[in-house]
Amino acid sequence: MYIPKSFHTYYAQEAIIAFLESGRKIYIPDTDIPDELKISKACFVSLYESNGRMRGCMGTIKPRNKWLYHEIVDNAIFAAFEDDRYVPLMEGELDDITLKVETVSRPEKIQHVKELDPDRFGIIVRSQQHLEGVLLPQCEGIHTVDDQINLAMEKGNIPISEKDYLDIFRFNIEVF
C-alpha cells in the first residue's frame, strides 16, 4: 500500500479508505488536525496507478471549506469515486494507487500571455459567457503557452472563436 509522505497525502489516503469502508467521510476532531492544514487554501488531489497513469483527479481553484484539511478530504473522495472519466475506485485497487496533493495559490489575472509559463503556472481561462477551463502546470504533452490555453479552453468547452476575448488567470501550486 502507498506510504504517505506528508500530512496532505496521509489524510487524502485516510479519506479514501474510510469512504471505501463505510461510505462516509473520515472524521477526526479539530484538535487532531495539524496546524499546517488549518488554513484556507484550495487544492487538487490526484490518484495514479503504479504505471504512472492517472486514475482520478479533482480539485478546487478557490477554497470551498474553512480549512485545507477539508478540501483534501473532499477532493480525495471526489477523485477516487466521482471523477466521471474513470470508474469508481475499488478496494482491490488500493495497493496499486499513489496520491498527489497540490495546493493552489490565489489566482491572479494576467495582462499578457508573456506572463504565462506552462511549466511554472497553472491557468484558468474564462470566456465572455462565463465558461471556464482550468489546467494545472506541468501537464504531460503541454510544452507551449498556446497548447496550455487551447487545452484549458477545450476542458471548459469554450469555442475557439472566443480565444481573443478570454480572461486568463495564472496560479502556482505546491506539490505534496
C-alpha atoms as a PDB file:
ATOM      1  CA  MET A   1       0.000   0.000   0.000  1.00  0.00           C
ATOM      2  CA  TYR A   2       1.062   3.589  -0.697  1.00  0.00           C
ATOM      3  CA  ILE A   3       3.043   5.183   2.129  1.00  0.00           C
ATOM      4  CA  PRO A   4       2.105   8.878   2.500  1.00  0.00           C
ATOM      5  CA  LYS A   5       4.967  11.350   2.567  1.00  0.00           C
ATOM      6  CA  SER A   6       3.090  14.302   4.109  1.00  0.00           C
ATOM      7  CA  PHE A   7       0.048  15.140   6.216  1.00  0.00           C
ATOM      8  CA  HIS A   8      -1.591  16.112   2.938  1.00  0.00           C
ATOM      9  CA  THR A   9      -1.307  12.693   1.325  1.00  0.00           C
ATOM     10  CA  TYR A  10      -1.887  10.888   4.635  1.00  0.00           C
ATOM     11  CA  TYR A  11      -5.322  12.451   5.074  1.00  0.00           C
ATOM     12  CA  ALA A  12      -6.164  12.001   1.390  1.00  0.00           C
ATOM     13  CA  GLN A  13      -5.442   8.280   1.742  1.00  0.00           C
ATOM     14  CA  GLU A  14      -7.345   8.016   5.040  1.00  0.00           C
ATOM     15  CA  ALA A  15     -10.355   9.751   3.451  1.00  0.00           C
ATOM     16  CA  ILE A  16     -10.386   7.246   0.575  1.00  0.00           C
ATOM     17  CA  ILE A  17     -10.022   4.237   2.888  1.00  0.00           C
ATOM     18  CA  ALA A  18     -12.768   5.480   5.230  1.00  0.00           C
ATOM     19  CA  PHE A  19     -15.102   6.089   2.299  1.00  0.00           C
ATOM     20  CA  LEU A  20     -14.394   2.630   0.870  1.00  0.00           C
ATOM     21  CA  GLU A  21     -15.105   1.016   4.243  1.00  0.00           C
ATOM     22  CA  SER A  22     -18.141   2.997   5.370  1.00  0.00           C
ATOM     23  CA  GLY A  23     -19.366   5.157   2.506  1.00  0.00           C
ATOM     24  CA  ARG A  24     -18.810   8.182   4.754  1.00  0.00           C
ATOM     25  CA  LYS A  25     -16.278  10.934   5.191  1.00  0.00           C
ATOM     26  CA  ILE A  26     -13.495  10.436   7.676  1.00  0.00           C
ATOM     27  CA  TYR A  27     -13.969  12.299  10.933  1.00  0.00           C
ATOM     28  CA  ILE A  28     -11.237  13.500  13.221  1.00  0.00           C
ATOM     29  CA  PRO A  29     -11.619  16.123  15.949  1.00  0.00           C
ATOM     30  CA  ASP A  30     -10.458  19.631  15.053  1.00  0.00           C
ATOM     31  CA  THR A  31      -7.850  19.424  17.806  1.00  0.00           C
ATOM     32  CA  ASP A  32      -6.178  16.495  15.987  1.00  0.00           C
ATOM     33  CA  ILE A  33      -5.871  18.294  12.644  1.00  0.00           C
ATOM     34  CA  PRO A  34      -2.290  19.524  12.076  1.00  0.00           C
ATOM     35  CA  ASP A  35      -1.937  23.311  12.155  1.00  0.00           C
ATOM     36  CA  GLU A  36      -0.470  23.352   8.633  1.00  0.00           C
ATOM     37  CA  LEU A  37      -3.842  22.045   7.355  1.00  0.00           C
ATOM     38  CA  LYS A  38      -5.848  24.620   9.318  1.00  0.00           C
ATOM     39  CA  ILE A  39      -5.506  27.256   6.626  1.00  0.00           C
ATOM     40  CA  SER A  40      -7.891  28.365   3.908  1.00  0.00           C
ATOM     41  CA  LYS A  41      -6.450  27.026   0.670  1.00  0.00           C
ATOM     42  CA  ALA A  42      -7.677  25.254  -2.455  1.00  0.00           C
ATOM     43  CA  CYS A  43      -6.141  22.015  -3.677  1.00  0.00           C
ATOM     44  CA  PHE A  44      -6.243  19.183  -6.182  1.00  0.00           C
ATOM     45  CA  VAL A  45      -5.943  15.510  -5.293  1.00  0.00           C
ATOM     46  CA  SER A  46      -4.694  13.119  -7.974  1.00  0.00           C
ATOM     47  CA  LEU A  47      -4.574   9.328  -7.940  1.00  0.00           C
ATOM     48  CA  TYR A  48      -2.081   7.413 -10.073  1.00  0.00           C
ATOM     49  CA  GLU A  49      -1.680   3.750 -10.927  1.00  0.00           C
ATOM     50  CA  SER A  50       1.756   2.186 -10.395  1.00  0.00           C
ATOM     51  CA  ASN A  51       2.460   2.537 -14.133  1.00  0.00           C
ATOM     52  CA  GLY A  52       2.064   6.333 -13.786  1.00  0.00           C
ATOM     53  CA  ARG A  53      -1.322   6.517 -15.493  1.00  0.00           C
ATOM     54  CA  MET A  54      -3.793   8.892 -13.853  1.00  0.00           C
ATOM     55  CA  ARG A  55      -6.675   7.179 -12.052  1.00  0.00           C
ATOM     56  CA  GLY A  56      -8.599  10.253 -10.882  1.00  0.00           C
ATOM     57  CA  CYS A  57      -8.170  13.951 -10.217  1.00  0.00           C
ATOM     58  CA  MET A  58     -10.429  16.540  -8.651  1.00  0.00           C
ATOM     59  CA  GLY A  59      -9.830  19.894  -7.101  1.00  0.00           C
ATOM     60  CA  THR A  60     -10.752  23.452  -6.484  1.00  0.00           C
ATOM     61  CA  ILE A  61      -9.281  26.776  -7.518  1.00  0.00           C
ATOM     62  CA  LYS A  62     -10.960  28.629  -4.674  1.00  0.00           C
ATOM     63  CA  PRO A  63     -11.427  27.020  -1.262  1.00  0.00           C
ATOM     64  CA  ARG A  64     -14.933  25.725  -0.539  1.00  0.00           C
ATOM     65  CA  ASN A  65     -14.151  24.896   3.071  1.00  0.00           C
ATOM     66  CA  LYS A  66     -12.742  26.717   6.069  1.00  0.00           C
ATOM     67  CA  TRP A  67      -9.598  24.583   6.181  1.00  0.00           C
ATOM     68  CA  LEU A  68      -7.286  22.853   3.720  1.00  0.00           C
ATOM     69  CA  TYR A  69      -7.846  19.592   5.626  1.00  0.00           C
ATOM     70  CA  HIS A  70     -11.499  19.541   4.499  1.00  0.00           C
ATOM     71  CA  GLU A  71     -10.538  20.439   0.916  1.00  0.00           C
ATOM     72  CA  ILE A  72      -8.171  17.466   0.864  1.00  0.00           C
ATOM     73  CA  VAL A  73     -10.779  15.062   2.264  1.00  0.00           C
ATOM     74  CA  ASP A  74     -13.497  16.220  -0.152  1.00  0.00           C
ATOM     75  CA  ASN A  75     -11.247  16.226  -3.210  1.00  0.00           C
ATOM     76  CA  ALA A  76      -9.747  12.822  -2.377  1.00  0.00           C
ATOM     77  CA  ILE A  77     -13.239  11.323  -2.255  1.00  0.00           C
ATOM     78  CA  PHE A  78     -14.278  13.111  -5.452  1.00  0.00           C
ATOM     79  CA  ALA A  79     -11.096  11.996  -7.262  1.00  0.00           C
ATOM     80  CA  ALA A  80     -11.442   8.371  -6.178  1.00  0.00           C
ATOM     81  CA  PHE A  81     -15.184   7.927  -6.586  1.00  0.00           C
ATOM     82  CA  GLU A  82     -16.736  10.766  -8.589  1.00  0.00           C
ATOM     83  CA  ASP A  83     -14.336  11.649 -11.409  1.00  0.00           C
ATOM     84  CA  ASP A  84     -16.598  10.699 -14.321  1.00  0.00           C
ATOM     85  CA  ARG A  85     -13.608   9.972 -16.563  1.00  0.00           C
ATOM     86  CA  TYR A  86     -12.933   6.821 -14.512  1.00  0.00           C
ATOM     87  CA  VAL A  87     -14.913   4.074 -12.829  1.00  0.00           C
ATOM     88  CA  PRO A  88     -15.072   4.499  -9.037  1.00  0.00           C
ATOM     89  CA  LEU A  89     -12.061   3.138  -7.184  1.00  0.00           C
ATOM     90  CA  MET A  90     -12.450  -0.394  -5.835  1.00  0.00           C
ATOM     91  CA  GLU A  91     -10.906  -1.710  -2.622  1.00  0.00           C
ATOM     92  CA  GLY A  92      -8.648  -4.136  -4.507  1.00  0.00           C
ATOM     93  CA  GLU A  93      -7.004  -1.207  -6.323  1.00  0.00           C
ATOM     94  CA  LEU A  94      -5.665   0.483  -3.177  1.00  0.00           C
ATOM     95  CA  ASP A  95      -2.334  -1.339  -3.306  1.00  0.00           C
ATOM     96  CA  ASP A  96      -1.727  -0.001  -6.825  1.00  0.00           C
ATOM     97  CA  ILE A  97      -2.546   3.666  -6.128  1.00  0.00           C
ATOM     98  CA  THR A  98      -0.255   6.585  -5.280  1.00  0.00           C
ATOM     99  CA  LEU A  99      -1.502  10.025  -4.304  1.00  0.00           C
ATOM    100  CA  LYS A 100      -0.503  13.601  -5.000  1.00  0.00           C
ATOM    101  CA  VAL A 101      -1.951  16.690  -3.341  1.00  0.00           C
ATOM    102  CA  GLU A 102      -1.302  20.061  -4.960  1.00  0.00           C
ATOM    103  CA  THR A 103      -2.220  23.226  -3.095  1.00  0.00           C
ATOM    104  CA  VAL A 104      -3.213  26.194  -5.209  1.00  0.00           C
ATOM    105  CA  SER A 105      -2.171  29.831  -4.741  1.00  0.00           C
ATOM    106  CA  ARG A 106      -4.683  32.612  -5.210  1.00  0.00           C
ATOM    107  CA  PRO A 107      -5.201  33.102  -8.982  1.00  0.00           C
ATOM    108  CA  GLU A 108      -4.023  36.391 -10.475  1.00  0.00           C
ATOM    109  CA  LYS A 109      -5.294  37.912 -13.704  1.00  0.00           C
ATOM    110  CA  ILE A 110      -2.635  38.343 -16.356  1.00  0.00           C
ATOM    111  CA  GLN A 111      -2.383  41.234 -18.776  1.00  0.00           C
ATOM    112  CA  HIS A 112      -0.392  39.440 -21.462  1.00  0.00           C
ATOM    113  CA  VAL A 113       0.335  35.817 -22.399  1.00  0.00           C
ATOM    114  CA  LYS A 114       4.059  36.539 -21.903  1.00  0.00           C
ATOM    115  CA  GLU A 115       3.271  36.246 -18.170  1.00  0.00           C
ATOM    116  CA  LEU A 116       2.466  32.543 -18.616  1.00  0.00           C
ATOM    117  CA  ASP A 117       4.734  29.518 -18.472  1.00  0.00           C
ATOM    118  CA  PRO A 118       3.114  26.057 -18.654  1.00  0.00           C
ATOM    119  CA  ASP A 119       5.929  24.570 -16.556  1.00  0.00           C
ATOM    120  CA  ARG A 120       5.542  27.107 -13.715  1.00  0.00           C
ATOM    121  CA  PHE A 121       1.904  28.219 -13.714  1.00  0.00           C
ATOM    122  CA  GLY A 122      -1.499  26.655 -13.936  1.00  0.00           C
ATOM    123  CA  ILE A 123      -4.154  28.666 -15.752  1.00  0.00           C
ATOM    124  CA  ILE A 124      -7.813  29.475 -15.672  1.00  0.00           C
ATOM    125  CA  VAL A 125      -9.399  30.695 -18.892  1.00  0.00           C
ATOM    126  CA  ARG A 126     -12.802  32.374 -18.679  1.00  0.00           C
ATOM    127  CA  SER A 127     -14.953  33.261 -21.675  1.00  0.00           C
ATOM    128  CA  GLN A 128     -17.291  36.235 -22.028  1.00  0.00           C
ATOM    129  CA  GLN A 129     -20.132  33.722 -21.493  1.00  0.00           C
ATOM    130  CA  HIS A 130     -18.535  32.730 -18.147  1.00  0.00           C
ATOM    131  CA  LEU A 131     -17.406  29.307 -19.338  1.00  0.00           C
ATOM    132  CA  GLU A 132     -14.245  28.338 -17.506  1.00  0.00           C
ATOM    133  CA  GLY A 133     -11.410  25.879 -18.110  1.00  0.00           C
ATOM    134  CA  VAL A 134      -8.602  25.021 -15.697  1.00  0.00           C
ATOM    135  CA  LEU A 135      -5.249  23.398 -16.338  1.00  0.00           C
ATOM    136  CA  LEU A 136      -2.547  22.619 -13.791  1.00  0.00           C
ATOM    137  CA  PRO A 137       1.098  23.357 -14.606  1.00  0.00           C
ATOM    138  CA  GLN A 138       3.457  20.701 -15.931  1.00  0.00           C
ATOM    139  CA  CYS A 139       0.720  18.824 -17.802  1.00  0.00           C
ATOM    140  CA  GLU A 140       2.047  15.963 -19.870  1.00  0.00           C
ATOM    141  CA  GLY A 141       2.270  16.879 -23.539  1.00  0.00           C
ATOM    142  CA  ILE A 142       1.861  20.626 -22.924  1.00  0.00           C
ATOM    143  CA  HIS A 143       5.014  22.499 -23.915  1.00  0.00           C
ATOM    144  CA  THR A 144       3.829  25.915 -25.073  1.00  0.00           C
ATOM    145  CA  VAL A 145       1.563  28.635 -23.732  1.00  0.00           C
ATOM    146  CA  ASP A 146      -0.658  28.220 -26.790  1.00  0.00           C
ATOM    147  CA  ASP A 147      -1.014  24.475 -26.082  1.00  0.00           C
ATOM    148  CA  GLN A 148      -1.895  25.274 -22.477  1.00  0.00           C
ATOM    149  CA  ILE A 149      -4.552  27.842 -23.400  1.00  0.00           C
ATOM    150  CA  ASN A 150      -6.065  25.591 -26.064  1.00  0.00           C
ATOM    151  CA  LEU A 151      -6.362  22.607 -23.716  1.00  0.00           C
ATOM    152  CA  ALA A 152      -7.831  24.752 -20.926  1.00  0.00           C
ATOM    153  CA  MET A 153     -10.378  26.076 -23.444  1.00  0.00           C
ATOM    154  CA  GLU A 154     -11.197  22.529 -24.517  1.00  0.00           C
ATOM    155  CA  LYS A 155     -11.685  21.460 -20.881  1.00  0.00           C
ATOM    156  CA  GLY A 156     -14.054  24.408 -20.381  1.00  0.00           C
ATOM    157  CA  ASN A 157     -15.952  23.750 -23.631  1.00  0.00           C
ATOM    158  CA  ILE A 158     -15.007  27.237 -24.799  1.00  0.00           C
ATOM    159  CA  PRO A 159     -15.272  27.704 -28.582  1.00  0.00           C
ATOM    160  CA  ILE A 160     -12.021  28.592 -30.349  1.00  0.00           C
ATOM    161  CA  SER A 161     -13.763  31.711 -31.691  1.00  0.00           C
ATOM    162  CA  GLU A 162     -13.634  33.075 -28.101  1.00  0.00           C
ATOM    163  CA  LYS A 163      -9.842  32.823 -27.826  1.00  0.00           C
ATOM    164  CA  ASP A 164      -9.183  36.525 -28.406  1.00  0.00           C
ATOM    165  CA  TYR A 165     -11.719  37.517 -25.735  1.00  0.00           C
ATOM    166  CA  LEU A 166     -10.637  35.395 -22.781  1.00  0.00           C
ATOM    167  CA  ASP A 167      -9.809  36.490 -19.279  1.00  0.00           C
ATOM    168  CA  ILE A 168      -6.778  34.472 -18.227  1.00  0.00           C
ATOM    169  CA  PHE A 169      -5.574  33.896 -14.688  1.00  0.00           C
ATOM    170  CA  ARG A 170      -2.450  32.131 -13.505  1.00  0.00           C
ATOM    171  CA  PHE A 171      -1.667  30.338 -10.265  1.00  0.00           C
ATOM    172  CA  ASN A 172       1.155  28.432  -8.606  1.00  0.00           C
ATOM    173  CA  ILE A 173       0.970  25.046  -6.971  1.00  0.00           C
ATOM    174  CA  GLU A 174       2.860  23.360  -4.177  1.00  0.00           C
ATOM    175  CA  VAL A 175       3.125  19.584  -4.552  1.00  0.00           C
ATOM    176  CA  PHE A 176       2.855  17.072  -1.706  1.00  0.00           C
END
